[in-house]
Every structure is written in C-alpha cells, then in structure tokens.
N, C-alpha and C. Protein backbone atom coordinates (compact mmCIF):
# COMPACT_ATOMS: atom_id res chain seq x y z
N MET A 1 0.99 -1.15 -0.05
CA MET A 1 -0.01 0.04 0.04
C MET A 1 0.93 1.29 0.06
N ILE A 2 0.59 1.97 -0.86
CA ILE A 2 1.23 3.48 -0.90
C ILE A 2 0.46 4.55 -0.06
N SER A 3 1.13 5.17 0.94
CA SER A 3 0.51 6.13 1.58
C SER A 3 1.31 7.44 1.54
N VAL A 4 0.70 8.79 1.72
CA VAL A 4 1.39 9.82 1.76
C VAL A 4 1.18 10.35 2.86
N ILE A 5 2.17 10.91 3.79
CA ILE A 5 2.32 11.58 4.88
C ILE A 5 2.99 12.84 4.86
N VAL A 6 2.18 13.82 5.13
CA VAL A 6 2.83 15.39 4.84
C VAL A 6 1.91 16.42 5.85
N ALA A 7 2.78 17.05 6.58
CA ALA A 7 2.19 18.43 7.01
C ALA A 7 2.40 19.89 6.10
N ILE A 8 1.22 20.22 5.97
CA ILE A 8 1.05 21.20 4.96
C ILE A 8 0.72 22.39 5.45
N ALA A 9 0.83 23.79 5.01
CA ALA A 9 0.42 24.78 5.33
C ALA A 9 -0.55 25.16 4.31
N ARG A 10 -1.45 26.33 4.31
CA ARG A 10 -2.71 26.71 3.82
C ARG A 10 -1.99 27.04 2.43
N ASN A 11 -1.05 27.56 2.40
CA ASN A 11 -0.61 27.93 1.08
C ASN A 11 -0.09 26.87 0.39
N ARG A 12 -0.03 25.55 0.96
CA ARG A 12 0.53 24.30 0.35
C ARG A 12 1.90 24.09 0.21
N ALA A 13 2.70 24.91 1.20
CA ALA A 13 4.05 24.83 1.30
C ALA A 13 4.17 23.71 2.50
N ILE A 14 5.25 22.90 2.01
CA ILE A 14 5.62 21.61 2.63
C ILE A 14 7.04 21.72 3.52
N GLY A 15 7.58 22.82 3.13
CA GLY A 15 8.95 23.10 3.74
C GLY A 15 9.60 24.52 3.44
N PHE A 16 10.65 24.94 4.01
CA PHE A 16 11.50 25.83 3.70
C PHE A 16 12.84 25.91 3.93
N GLU A 17 13.90 26.06 3.10
CA GLU A 17 15.31 25.93 3.30
C GLU A 17 15.44 24.45 3.77
N ASN A 18 14.89 23.54 3.14
CA ASN A 18 15.10 22.23 3.41
C ASN A 18 14.88 21.83 5.00
N ARG A 19 13.75 22.46 5.62
CA ARG A 19 13.26 22.22 6.99
C ARG A 19 11.81 22.16 6.84
N LEU A 20 11.40 21.37 7.91
CA LEU A 20 9.78 21.39 8.18
C LEU A 20 9.51 22.73 8.51
N LEU A 21 8.28 23.02 8.14
CA LEU A 21 7.65 24.45 8.54
C LEU A 21 7.21 24.34 10.02
N TYR A 22 6.77 23.20 10.66
CA TYR A 22 6.32 23.05 12.10
C TYR A 22 7.16 22.28 12.62
N ARG A 23 7.46 22.31 13.92
CA ARG A 23 7.96 21.61 14.91
C ARG A 23 6.93 21.03 16.02
N LEU A 24 6.25 20.15 15.66
CA LEU A 24 5.19 19.59 16.69
C LEU A 24 5.47 18.23 16.97
N PRO A 25 5.96 18.13 18.36
CA PRO A 25 6.38 17.24 19.19
C PRO A 25 5.51 15.86 18.74
N ASP A 26 4.09 16.07 18.96
CA ASP A 26 3.19 15.03 18.89
C ASP A 26 2.89 14.31 17.32
N ASP A 27 3.13 15.41 16.56
CA ASP A 27 3.17 15.09 14.98
C ASP A 27 4.41 14.13 14.85
N LEU A 28 5.40 14.35 15.18
CA LEU A 28 6.62 13.63 14.99
C LEU A 28 6.61 12.36 15.89
N ARG A 29 6.11 12.01 16.96
CA ARG A 29 5.63 11.04 17.52
C ARG A 29 4.73 10.18 16.55
N ARG A 30 3.82 10.74 16.24
CA ARG A 30 2.95 10.05 15.24
C ARG A 30 3.61 9.40 14.08
N PHE A 31 4.57 10.30 13.43
CA PHE A 31 5.16 9.93 12.32
C PHE A 31 6.07 8.66 12.34
N LYS A 32 6.52 8.86 13.58
CA LYS A 32 7.83 7.48 13.98
C LYS A 32 6.94 6.39 14.26
N ALA A 33 5.65 6.51 15.09
CA ALA A 33 4.77 5.42 15.27
C ALA A 33 4.00 4.71 13.98
N LEU A 34 3.78 5.47 13.03
CA LEU A 34 3.38 5.02 11.87
C LEU A 34 4.17 4.47 10.71
N THR A 35 5.20 5.16 10.63
CA THR A 35 5.98 4.89 9.25
C THR A 35 7.09 3.56 9.39
N THR A 36 6.87 2.81 8.60
CA THR A 36 8.00 1.77 8.74
C THR A 36 8.82 1.68 7.54
N GLY A 37 8.24 2.11 6.26
CA GLY A 37 8.88 1.86 5.04
C GLY A 37 8.87 3.34 4.44
N LEU A 38 9.95 4.32 3.82
CA LEU A 38 9.93 5.44 3.60
C LEU A 38 10.31 5.75 2.21
N ILE A 39 9.96 6.51 1.26
CA ILE A 39 10.34 6.60 0.17
C ILE A 39 10.52 8.21 0.42
N MET A 40 11.67 8.68 -0.17
CA MET A 40 11.75 10.21 -0.22
C MET A 40 12.97 10.58 -1.12
N GLY A 41 12.72 11.98 -1.51
CA GLY A 41 13.78 12.53 -2.38
C GLY A 41 15.04 12.77 -1.65
N ARG A 42 16.23 12.95 -2.54
CA ARG A 42 17.51 13.03 -1.98
C ARG A 42 17.56 14.31 -0.99
N LYS A 43 16.88 15.49 -1.39
CA LYS A 43 17.08 16.51 -0.56
C LYS A 43 16.30 16.32 0.68
N THR A 44 15.19 15.66 0.88
CA THR A 44 14.52 15.26 2.09
C THR A 44 15.49 14.30 2.73
N PHE A 45 16.17 13.22 2.38
CA PHE A 45 16.90 12.59 3.06
C PHE A 45 18.36 13.40 3.56
N GLU A 46 18.53 14.24 2.72
CA GLU A 46 19.82 15.40 3.05
C GLU A 46 19.33 16.06 4.38
N SER A 47 18.10 16.57 4.78
CA SER A 47 17.52 17.42 5.45
C SER A 47 17.60 16.83 6.96
N PHE A 48 17.80 15.37 6.92
CA PHE A 48 17.70 14.78 8.21
C PHE A 48 19.17 14.80 9.01
N PRO A 49 19.24 15.41 10.35
CA PRO A 49 20.30 15.70 10.67
C PRO A 49 21.22 14.67 11.17
N LYS A 50 20.84 13.43 11.32
CA LYS A 50 21.56 12.28 11.66
C LYS A 50 21.43 11.19 10.43
N GLY A 51 20.89 11.67 9.40
CA GLY A 51 20.89 10.69 8.22
C GLY A 51 19.88 9.86 8.46
N ALA A 52 19.72 8.50 7.87
CA ALA A 52 18.57 7.78 7.71
C ALA A 52 18.12 7.56 9.31
N LEU A 53 16.49 7.44 9.06
CA LEU A 53 15.71 7.54 10.18
C LEU A 53 15.75 6.13 10.65
N PRO A 54 16.09 5.70 11.82
CA PRO A 54 16.33 4.35 12.39
C PRO A 54 14.92 3.73 12.53
N ASN A 55 15.21 2.44 12.62
CA ASN A 55 14.19 1.24 12.74
C ASN A 55 13.26 1.18 11.48
N ARG A 56 13.44 1.78 10.47
CA ARG A 56 12.70 1.92 9.12
C ARG A 56 13.51 1.68 8.01
N ARG A 57 12.73 1.29 6.87
CA ARG A 57 13.31 0.91 5.70
C ARG A 57 13.43 2.17 4.96
N ASN A 58 14.47 3.14 4.84
CA ASN A 58 14.82 4.01 3.89
C ASN A 58 15.29 4.07 2.48
N ILE A 59 14.10 4.71 1.77
CA ILE A 59 14.71 4.65 0.22
C ILE A 59 14.67 6.04 -0.29
N VAL A 60 15.59 6.32 -0.93
CA VAL A 60 16.02 7.57 -1.40
C VAL A 60 15.98 7.44 -2.99
N LEU A 61 14.93 8.57 -3.79
CA LEU A 61 15.13 8.72 -5.10
C LEU A 61 16.28 9.48 -5.47
N SER A 62 17.13 9.17 -6.46
CA SER A 62 18.31 10.07 -6.89
C SER A 62 18.49 9.61 -8.10
N LYS A 63 18.59 10.87 -9.22
CA LYS A 63 18.93 10.39 -10.57
C LYS A 63 20.53 9.95 -10.69
N ASN A 64 20.99 10.42 -9.68
CA ASN A 64 22.75 9.90 -9.83
C ASN A 64 22.97 8.59 -9.32
N LYS A 65 23.17 7.72 -10.16
CA LYS A 65 23.08 6.41 -10.12
C LYS A 65 24.29 5.86 -9.08
N ALA A 66 25.39 6.76 -9.02
CA ALA A 66 26.44 6.35 -8.16
C ALA A 66 26.27 6.89 -6.71
N ALA A 67 25.29 7.53 -6.43
CA ALA A 67 25.13 8.13 -4.93
C ALA A 67 24.74 7.34 -4.03
N VAL A 68 25.51 7.59 -3.01
CA VAL A 68 25.15 6.61 -1.58
C VAL A 68 24.54 7.28 -0.59
N PHE A 69 23.67 6.68 0.12
CA PHE A 69 23.16 7.33 1.15
C PHE A 69 23.28 6.33 2.30
N PRO A 70 24.19 6.65 3.41
CA PRO A 70 24.13 5.57 4.17
C PRO A 70 22.93 5.33 4.73
N GLY A 71 22.60 3.74 5.02
CA GLY A 71 21.47 3.48 5.67
C GLY A 71 20.11 3.17 4.85
N ALA A 72 20.43 3.62 3.70
CA ALA A 72 19.11 3.90 2.87
C ALA A 72 19.62 2.95 1.45
N GLU A 73 18.36 2.68 1.06
CA GLU A 73 18.44 2.10 -0.47
C GLU A 73 18.47 3.10 -1.40
N THR A 74 18.75 2.95 -2.62
CA THR A 74 18.70 3.98 -3.49
C THR A 74 18.02 3.67 -4.86
N PHE A 75 17.24 4.24 -5.38
CA PHE A 75 16.40 3.98 -6.81
C PHE A 75 16.67 5.37 -7.46
N SER A 76 16.37 5.25 -8.83
CA SER A 76 16.37 6.12 -9.89
C SER A 76 15.18 6.72 -10.19
N SER A 77 14.25 5.83 -9.82
CA SER A 77 12.82 6.25 -9.94
C SER A 77 11.75 5.82 -8.91
N LEU A 78 10.61 6.55 -8.96
CA LEU A 78 9.61 6.08 -8.00
C LEU A 78 9.21 4.58 -8.25
N GLN A 79 8.92 4.40 -9.62
CA GLN A 79 8.70 3.00 -10.18
C GLN A 79 9.39 2.10 -10.02
N GLU A 80 10.59 2.34 -9.76
CA GLU A 80 11.73 1.22 -9.71
C GLU A 80 12.07 1.09 -8.14
N ALA A 81 11.73 1.95 -7.58
CA ALA A 81 11.62 1.90 -5.95
C ALA A 81 10.34 0.93 -5.33
N LEU A 82 9.27 1.52 -6.02
CA LEU A 82 8.03 0.68 -5.71
C LEU A 82 8.13 -1.00 -6.14
N SER A 83 8.77 -1.42 -7.10
CA SER A 83 8.83 -2.45 -7.76
C SER A 83 9.88 -3.38 -6.68
N HIS A 84 10.72 -2.78 -5.83
CA HIS A 84 11.35 -3.55 -4.70
C HIS A 84 10.67 -3.63 -3.45
N CYS A 85 9.35 -3.14 -3.60
CA CYS A 85 8.60 -3.17 -2.34
C CYS A 85 7.73 -4.19 -2.35
N LYS A 86 7.30 -4.95 -1.32
CA LYS A 86 6.15 -5.84 -1.18
C LYS A 86 4.92 -5.06 -1.27
N GLU A 87 4.04 -5.96 -1.79
CA GLU A 87 2.61 -5.31 -2.13
C GLU A 87 2.08 -5.30 -0.77
N GLU A 88 2.30 -6.07 0.21
CA GLU A 88 1.69 -5.99 1.64
C GLU A 88 2.25 -4.92 2.38
N GLU A 89 3.59 -4.55 1.91
CA GLU A 89 4.08 -3.43 2.94
C GLU A 89 3.64 -2.04 2.65
N GLU A 90 3.30 -1.22 3.96
CA GLU A 90 2.59 -0.13 3.64
C GLU A 90 4.04 0.83 3.61
N ILE A 91 4.04 1.42 2.31
CA ILE A 91 5.25 2.26 2.09
C ILE A 91 4.70 4.03 2.26
N PHE A 92 5.49 4.80 2.96
CA PHE A 92 5.05 6.19 3.11
C PHE A 92 5.95 7.06 2.38
N ILE A 93 5.22 7.97 1.25
CA ILE A 93 5.89 8.91 0.55
C ILE A 93 6.00 10.07 1.67
N ILE A 94 7.24 10.61 1.58
CA ILE A 94 7.69 11.69 2.77
C ILE A 94 8.28 12.99 2.10
N GLY A 95 8.10 12.88 0.96
CA GLY A 95 8.76 14.37 0.10
C GLY A 95 9.92 14.17 -0.68
N GLY A 96 10.36 15.05 -1.18
CA GLY A 96 9.69 16.14 -1.53
C GLY A 96 8.68 16.46 -2.27
N GLU A 97 8.76 17.59 -2.96
CA GLU A 97 7.63 18.21 -3.77
C GLU A 97 7.36 17.33 -5.04
N SER A 98 8.59 17.01 -5.76
CA SER A 98 8.37 16.23 -6.86
C SER A 98 7.94 14.80 -6.85
N VAL A 99 8.43 14.29 -5.40
CA VAL A 99 8.00 12.91 -5.18
C VAL A 99 6.34 12.87 -4.61
N TYR A 100 6.05 13.94 -3.74
CA TYR A 100 4.63 13.95 -3.69
C TYR A 100 4.10 14.02 -5.06
N LYS A 101 4.26 14.83 -5.82
CA LYS A 101 3.43 15.03 -7.33
C LYS A 101 3.36 13.63 -8.22
N GLU A 102 4.52 13.01 -8.23
CA GLU A 102 4.36 11.58 -8.88
C GLU A 102 3.76 10.80 -8.04
N ALA A 103 3.64 10.67 -6.76
CA ALA A 103 3.16 9.54 -6.03
C ALA A 103 1.68 9.62 -5.55
N LEU A 104 1.17 11.10 -5.55
CA LEU A 104 -0.13 11.14 -5.14
C LEU A 104 -0.95 10.43 -5.81
N PRO A 105 -1.07 10.36 -7.36
CA PRO A 105 -2.08 9.71 -7.93
C PRO A 105 -1.83 8.06 -7.80
N LEU A 106 -0.93 7.82 -7.25
CA LEU A 106 -0.84 6.19 -6.75
C LEU A 106 -1.17 5.87 -5.42
N ALA A 107 -1.39 6.99 -4.68
CA ALA A 107 -1.38 6.70 -2.87
C ALA A 107 -2.85 6.31 -2.67
N GLN A 108 -3.00 5.37 -1.92
CA GLN A 108 -4.33 4.68 -1.43
C GLN A 108 -4.82 5.58 -0.18
N LYS A 109 -3.77 6.27 0.54
CA LYS A 109 -4.04 6.89 1.63
C LYS A 109 -3.17 8.02 2.03
N LEU A 110 -3.97 8.93 2.75
CA LEU A 110 -3.24 10.21 2.89
C LEU A 110 -3.37 10.70 4.48
N TYR A 111 -2.03 10.90 5.08
CA TYR A 111 -2.04 11.06 6.42
C TYR A 111 -1.62 12.43 6.70
C-alpha cells in the first residue's frame, strides 16, 4: 500500500530551506509510530540531521546512480523503488515536492 504523509501549510508549502515548517512533537511521535517504509527524494534525506531514520526502511530517489546514502536503499525512479517493495508493505511517501506530485495519483491513503 502506498501512503502519503505530509504536514502542509494553507499556502500548500511543505517546507522552507530544506526544513519542516512546523516543529510539533506530537506529530513527530505519530510519524515515528506510523512509518515503517519510507520513500523520499535526495534533498529530504539530506535534511535529516542524523541521516537515515532508524528502525525503518529508508528509500532515497536520486537520478545520480552512483550516489550513496548510508542506511538507505537508492533507486533512480519511484517506479523502480516501488517494484522493490512488497505489495503488503505500507510505504510512506515523505517528500519532497516532486516525489509527492508523482506519488499522489498512486496513493491509497493520505495522512
């Protein structure tokens, strides 16, 4: 199952200068409890201060096939990444903008 999880402002902004717009501890706890498999773009991954999020499957999309993201799997497209996910696995799309745009029509759930 493909799910989209996002905190979005009224003006549809999802971040600013590669950071979250909001720092809501309860939201972050919920995110941690819900997510097990994550698909994200390179910039989203690079925004994490400690790298890959622990105790989850981290998948990074990058057009640079030589790119290495410690603790994460790397694929060059969303379709390629999804083809390596199990059908029964809930995969969370967590950004950025272009990944959301591509994944939204495929998603079954929005958080």
